Amino acid sequence: MRNNEEVLAPFTPDTALAGRTALVTGSSGGIGEVVARLLAASGAEVVVSGRDDVRAQAVVNAIVKDGGRAHALTADLGAEPADIRAFAQRAEDALGGRVDILVNNAGVYPGFQTATVTDDEMQALWATNIRAPHVLVAGLAPRMAERGSGVIVNIGSWMARVGVPYKALYPATKAAVEQLTRAWAAEYGPRGVRVNTVAPGATATRGTSTSSEQLVEMTKGTPAGSPVRPVDIAYAVRFLASDEAAYIHGATLDVDGGIAATRLR
């Protein structure tokens, strides 16, 4: 299986998103980094955000090196709502006054079995995975609607619709994201703003590197037979952000190798 860099290296830049701007949260690494790089390769001007300014700037440097346009902003999506609203304004300012594409990618996944989840972990899951996307959409979607166009892509999870014995709260936050997607599609879709979810499967990222053997075992019995790569998620996000997806509203696109829909063994 080719890794992200091997897939991205031969990618020919296109103009599918030319003239548009994009904010990708949690894009200083992992899935978000590849999403930001792919959107930029398709012509979008991108804000790369993360808690580590050095890592965020490194992603920007890679985008610029490949001929794209990008800006680095430091942001903690677990912060208070006022701070997140200020971050949204900074992103708009960096992008010339408008955000055309919002990708709510930032997320945390601490905690395992219910009785062992700490209060801090519970608060972090709620704040980052649900509250932050809500605050960003509340701030940015109305302005998209005023212009009559915009795209919001939320990153969900295959676990949102599958009960597992080792994690309850994280999948619940992702199920909430799917419901927010449907509600926002109904609220903003008639005014030109499309809202959809991409639901990754078991994905190989820096954050899951310590569980790489588990990921391999989890995905052996799927049609794909191996973990999802961040670039697979990025291609789905780019599609939903493009005009090719003009009639897709309120949908959840599973990019999970078939883990949620099939059982081979």
Protein backbone atom coordinates (compact mmCIF):
# COMPACT_ATOMS: atom_id res chain seq x y z
CA MET A 1 0.00 0.00 0.00
CA ARG A 2 1.42 3.40 -0.99
CA ASN A 3 1.73 5.99 1.77
CA ASN A 4 0.47 9.58 1.69
CA GLU A 5 3.63 11.09 0.26
CA GLU A 6 3.79 8.51 -2.54
CA VAL A 7 0.21 9.29 -3.49
CA LEU A 8 0.56 13.07 -3.25
CA ALA A 9 3.92 13.34 -5.02
CA PRO A 10 2.62 12.58 -8.53
CA PHE A 11 -0.61 14.51 -8.00
CA THR A 12 -1.11 17.03 -10.78
CA PRO A 13 -2.39 20.38 -9.48
CA ASP A 14 -5.78 21.39 -10.84
CA THR A 15 -8.15 24.35 -10.66
CA ALA A 16 -11.23 22.65 -9.20
CA LEU A 17 -11.20 25.00 -6.21
CA ALA A 18 -9.51 28.00 -7.80
CA GLY A 19 -10.58 31.33 -6.33
CA ARG A 20 -11.91 29.75 -3.14
CA THR A 21 -10.66 29.91 0.40
CA ALA A 22 -10.59 27.14 2.99
CA LEU A 23 -10.14 26.79 6.74
CA VAL A 24 -9.06 23.31 7.83
CA THR A 25 -9.00 22.85 11.59
CA GLY A 26 -6.44 20.52 13.13
CA SER A 27 -4.35 20.59 9.96
CA SER A 28 -0.82 20.72 11.36
CA GLY A 29 -0.64 16.94 10.99
CA GLY A 30 -2.55 13.75 10.30
CA ILE A 31 -5.73 13.80 8.23
CA GLY A 32 -6.05 17.57 8.37
CA GLU A 33 -2.57 18.18 6.97
CA VAL A 34 -3.25 16.08 3.89
CA VAL A 35 -6.68 17.69 3.44
CA ALA A 36 -5.09 21.14 3.52
CA ARG A 37 -2.39 20.15 1.06
CA LEU A 38 -4.87 18.60 -1.37
CA LEU A 39 -7.28 21.53 -1.26
CA ALA A 40 -4.36 23.87 -1.91
CA ALA A 41 -3.23 21.71 -4.82
CA SER A 42 -6.69 22.17 -6.29
CA GLY A 43 -6.37 25.94 -6.17
CA ALA A 44 -7.81 26.90 -2.79
CA GLU A 45 -6.09 29.39 -0.51
CA VAL A 46 -5.89 27.58 2.82
CA VAL A 47 -5.57 28.39 6.51
CA VAL A 48 -3.61 25.67 8.27
CA SER A 49 -4.39 25.57 11.98
CA GLY A 50 -3.13 23.65 14.98
CA ARG A 51 -1.88 24.05 18.52
CA ASP A 52 1.78 23.89 17.44
CA ASP A 53 2.81 26.89 15.34
CA VAL A 54 6.03 25.21 14.16
CA ARG A 55 4.18 22.21 12.77
CA ALA A 56 1.49 24.41 11.20
CA GLN A 57 4.11 26.55 9.50
CA ALA A 58 5.87 23.44 8.19
CA VAL A 59 2.63 22.41 6.43
CA VAL A 60 2.30 25.92 4.99
CA ASN A 61 5.88 25.75 3.76
CA ALA A 62 5.16 22.46 1.98
CA ILE A 63 2.08 23.95 0.32
CA VAL A 64 3.92 27.06 -0.82
CA LYS A 65 6.80 24.97 -2.11
CA ASP A 66 4.32 23.12 -4.32
CA GLY A 67 2.96 26.39 -5.68
CA GLY A 68 -0.04 26.82 -3.40
CA ARG A 69 -1.17 29.58 -1.05
CA ALA A 70 -1.53 29.05 2.68
CA HIS A 71 -1.38 30.72 6.08
CA ALA A 72 -0.58 29.27 9.52
CA LEU A 73 -2.74 30.10 12.54
CA THR A 74 -2.35 28.73 16.04
CA ALA A 75 -5.59 27.55 17.61
CA ASP A 76 -6.72 25.34 20.47
CA LEU A 77 -10.16 24.04 19.53
CA GLY A 78 -10.73 23.01 23.12
CA ALA A 79 -10.69 26.67 24.13
CA GLU A 80 -13.63 28.77 25.24
CA PRO A 81 -16.21 29.79 22.62
CA ALA A 82 -15.04 33.43 22.60
CA ASP A 83 -11.54 32.29 21.72
CA ILE A 84 -12.84 30.12 18.89
CA ARG A 85 -14.92 32.99 17.52
CA ALA A 86 -11.80 35.14 17.56
CA PHE A 87 -9.94 32.37 15.72
CA ALA A 88 -12.66 32.28 13.04
CA GLN A 89 -12.27 36.02 12.57
CA ARG A 90 -8.49 35.69 12.27
CA ALA A 91 -8.97 33.00 9.63
CA GLU A 92 -11.34 35.22 7.66
CA ASP A 93 -8.90 38.10 7.87
CA ALA A 94 -6.01 35.92 6.67
CA LEU A 95 -8.12 34.77 3.72
CA GLY A 96 -9.09 38.23 2.57
CA GLY A 97 -12.38 38.47 4.44
CA ARG A 98 -14.15 35.24 3.53
CA VAL A 99 -14.09 31.51 4.21
CA ASP A 100 -15.67 29.53 1.38
CA ILE A 101 -14.86 26.05 2.68
CA LEU A 102 -14.80 25.03 6.34
CA VAL A 103 -13.42 21.60 7.21
CA ASN A 104 -14.14 20.71 10.83
CA ASN A 105 -11.37 18.18 11.23
CA ALA A 106 -9.88 18.87 14.67
CA GLY A 107 -10.80 16.21 17.18
CA VAL A 108 -9.58 14.37 20.26
CA TYR A 109 -10.18 10.79 21.27
CA PRO A 110 -9.08 10.25 24.88
CA GLY A 111 -10.71 7.77 27.20
CA PHE A 112 -11.60 4.13 26.85
CA GLN A 113 -14.13 2.18 28.88
CA THR A 114 -16.84 4.30 30.45
CA ALA A 115 -15.82 3.96 34.09
CA THR A 116 -12.24 5.03 33.38
CA VAL A 117 -13.02 8.25 31.49
CA THR A 118 -11.85 11.21 33.58
CA ASP A 119 -13.72 14.48 33.96
CA ASP A 120 -11.00 16.28 32.00
CA GLU A 121 -11.24 13.78 29.14
CA MET A 122 -15.02 14.11 29.10
CA GLN A 123 -14.79 17.90 28.93
CA ALA A 124 -12.12 17.77 26.19
CA LEU A 125 -14.25 15.48 24.02
CA TRP A 126 -17.30 17.69 24.34
CA ALA A 127 -15.41 20.95 23.83
CA THR A 128 -13.26 19.96 20.85
CA ASN A 129 -15.44 17.48 19.01
CA ILE A 130 -18.87 19.13 19.34
CA ARG A 131 -18.69 22.65 20.76
CA ALA A 132 -15.89 23.91 18.51
CA PRO A 133 -17.54 22.87 15.20
CA HIS A 134 -20.80 24.37 16.43
CA VAL A 135 -19.14 27.70 17.29
CA LEU A 136 -17.31 27.83 13.94
CA VAL A 137 -20.41 27.02 11.92
CA ALA A 138 -22.45 29.55 13.91
CA GLY A 139 -19.85 32.18 13.08
CA LEU A 140 -19.04 31.35 9.47
CA ALA A 141 -22.11 29.69 7.90
CA PRO A 142 -24.39 32.76 8.11
CA ARG A 143 -21.85 34.79 6.13
CA MET A 144 -21.62 31.97 3.57
CA ALA A 145 -25.41 32.03 3.34
CA GLU A 146 -25.40 35.81 2.80
CA ARG A 147 -23.09 35.25 -0.19
CA GLY A 148 -25.25 32.38 -1.42
CA SER A 149 -22.48 29.79 -1.46
CA GLY A 150 -20.22 27.79 0.80
CA VAL A 151 -19.21 24.29 1.82
CA ILE A 152 -18.84 22.73 5.25
CA VAL A 153 -17.30 19.28 5.61
CA ASN A 154 -17.31 17.67 9.03
CA ILE A 155 -15.00 14.77 9.84
CA GLY A 156 -16.88 12.01 11.60
CA SER A 157 -15.97 8.39 12.29
CA TRP A 158 -17.03 4.88 11.40
CA MET A 159 -17.52 4.35 15.14
CA ALA A 160 -20.50 6.71 15.21
CA ARG A 161 -22.84 3.92 14.12
CA VAL A 162 -21.15 0.86 15.61
CA GLY A 163 -21.21 -0.08 19.28
CA VAL A 164 -17.84 -1.20 20.62
CA PRO A 165 -17.05 -2.30 24.17
CA TYR A 166 -13.89 -0.24 24.56
CA LYS A 167 -15.06 3.30 23.71
CA ALA A 168 -18.42 4.98 24.23
CA LEU A 169 -18.00 8.74 24.54
CA TYR A 170 -15.81 9.43 21.50
CA PRO A 171 -18.20 7.65 19.09
CA ALA A 172 -21.08 9.52 20.72
CA THR A 173 -19.44 12.84 19.85
CA LYS A 174 -19.05 11.70 16.25
CA ALA A 175 -22.68 10.59 16.12
CA ALA A 176 -23.53 14.11 17.26
CA VAL A 177 -21.43 15.49 14.40
CA GLU A 178 -23.45 13.44 11.91
CA GLN A 179 -26.69 14.81 13.34
CA LEU A 180 -25.34 18.36 13.27
CA THR A 181 -24.49 17.79 9.61
CA ARG A 182 -28.07 16.83 8.80
CA ALA A 183 -29.50 19.75 10.76
CA TRP A 184 -27.07 22.27 9.26
CA ALA A 185 -27.81 20.97 5.77
CA ALA A 186 -31.50 21.67 6.39
CA GLU A 187 -30.77 25.06 7.95
CA TYR A 188 -28.24 26.44 5.48
CA GLY A 189 -28.69 24.34 2.34
CA PRO A 190 -31.61 26.36 0.95
CA ARG A 191 -29.32 29.42 1.09
CA GLY A 192 -26.52 27.85 -0.91
CA VAL A 193 -24.36 26.24 1.80
CA ARG A 194 -23.75 22.53 1.43
CA VAL A 195 -22.96 20.57 4.60
CA ASN A 196 -21.74 16.96 4.62
CA THR A 197 -19.68 14.53 6.69
CA VAL A 198 -16.76 12.29 5.76
CA ALA A 199 -16.52 9.33 8.12
CA PRO A 200 -13.04 7.75 8.18
CA GLY A 201 -12.44 4.17 9.16
CA ALA A 202 -9.47 2.95 11.18
CA THR A 203 -6.88 5.42 9.89
CA ALA A 204 -3.09 5.26 10.08
CA THR A 205 -1.86 8.63 11.37
CA ARG A 206 0.80 9.93 13.74
CA GLY A 207 -1.83 9.92 16.48
CA THR A 208 -2.59 6.22 16.00
CA SER A 209 1.00 5.10 15.40
CA THR A 210 1.21 3.44 18.82
CA SER A 211 -1.77 1.28 17.81
CA SER A 212 -0.54 0.37 14.34
CA GLU A 213 -0.68 -3.39 15.00
CA GLN A 214 -4.24 -3.04 16.28
CA LEU A 215 -5.22 -1.11 13.16
CA VAL A 216 -3.83 -3.84 10.94
CA GLU A 217 -5.77 -6.49 12.84
CA MET A 218 -8.96 -4.40 12.82
CA THR A 219 -8.87 -3.96 9.06
CA LYS A 220 -7.78 -7.43 7.96
CA GLY A 221 -11.40 -8.49 7.73
CA THR A 222 -12.55 -5.54 5.62
CA PRO A 223 -12.91 -5.45 1.84
CA ALA A 224 -9.97 -3.02 1.65
CA GLY A 225 -7.89 -5.26 3.91
CA SER A 226 -5.73 -2.46 5.38
CA PRO A 227 -6.01 0.80 7.36
CA VAL A 228 -7.33 3.95 5.74
CA ARG A 229 -4.72 6.56 4.76
CA PRO A 230 -5.24 10.27 5.44
CA VAL A 231 -5.01 10.91 1.70
CA ASP A 232 -8.08 8.72 1.13
CA ILE A 233 -10.03 11.03 3.45
CA ALA A 234 -8.58 14.10 1.74
CA TYR A 235 -9.79 13.00 -1.69
CA ALA A 236 -13.31 12.62 -0.31
CA VAL A 237 -13.21 16.07 1.28
CA ARG A 238 -11.97 17.62 -1.95
CA PHE A 239 -14.82 15.98 -3.86
CA LEU A 240 -17.46 17.25 -1.43
CA ALA A 241 -15.92 20.74 -1.57
CA SER A 242 -16.05 20.81 -5.36
CA ASP A 243 -18.88 21.64 -7.72
CA GLU A 244 -19.02 17.96 -8.66
CA ALA A 245 -20.85 17.41 -5.36
CA ALA A 246 -23.40 20.19 -5.96
CA TYR A 247 -26.39 17.97 -5.17
CA ILE A 248 -25.00 16.29 -2.07
CA HIS A 249 -26.53 17.73 1.11
CA GLY A 250 -26.60 16.28 4.62
CA ALA A 251 -24.83 13.09 3.63
CA THR A 252 -22.23 11.00 5.42
CA LEU A 253 -19.63 9.60 3.05
CA ASP A 254 -17.95 6.54 4.57
CA VAL A 255 -14.29 6.25 3.66
CA ASP A 256 -13.58 3.29 5.87
CA GLY A 257 -12.58 0.35 3.67
CA GLY A 258 -15.97 -1.20 4.39
CA ILE A 259 -15.41 -1.67 8.13
CA ALA A 260 -18.83 -0.33 9.16
CA ALA A 261 -20.90 -1.95 6.41
CA THR A 262 -19.43 -5.41 5.90
CA ARG A 263 -18.24 -8.50 7.75
CA LEU A 264 -15.98 -10.91 5.87
CA ARG A 265 -15.03 -13.12 8.80
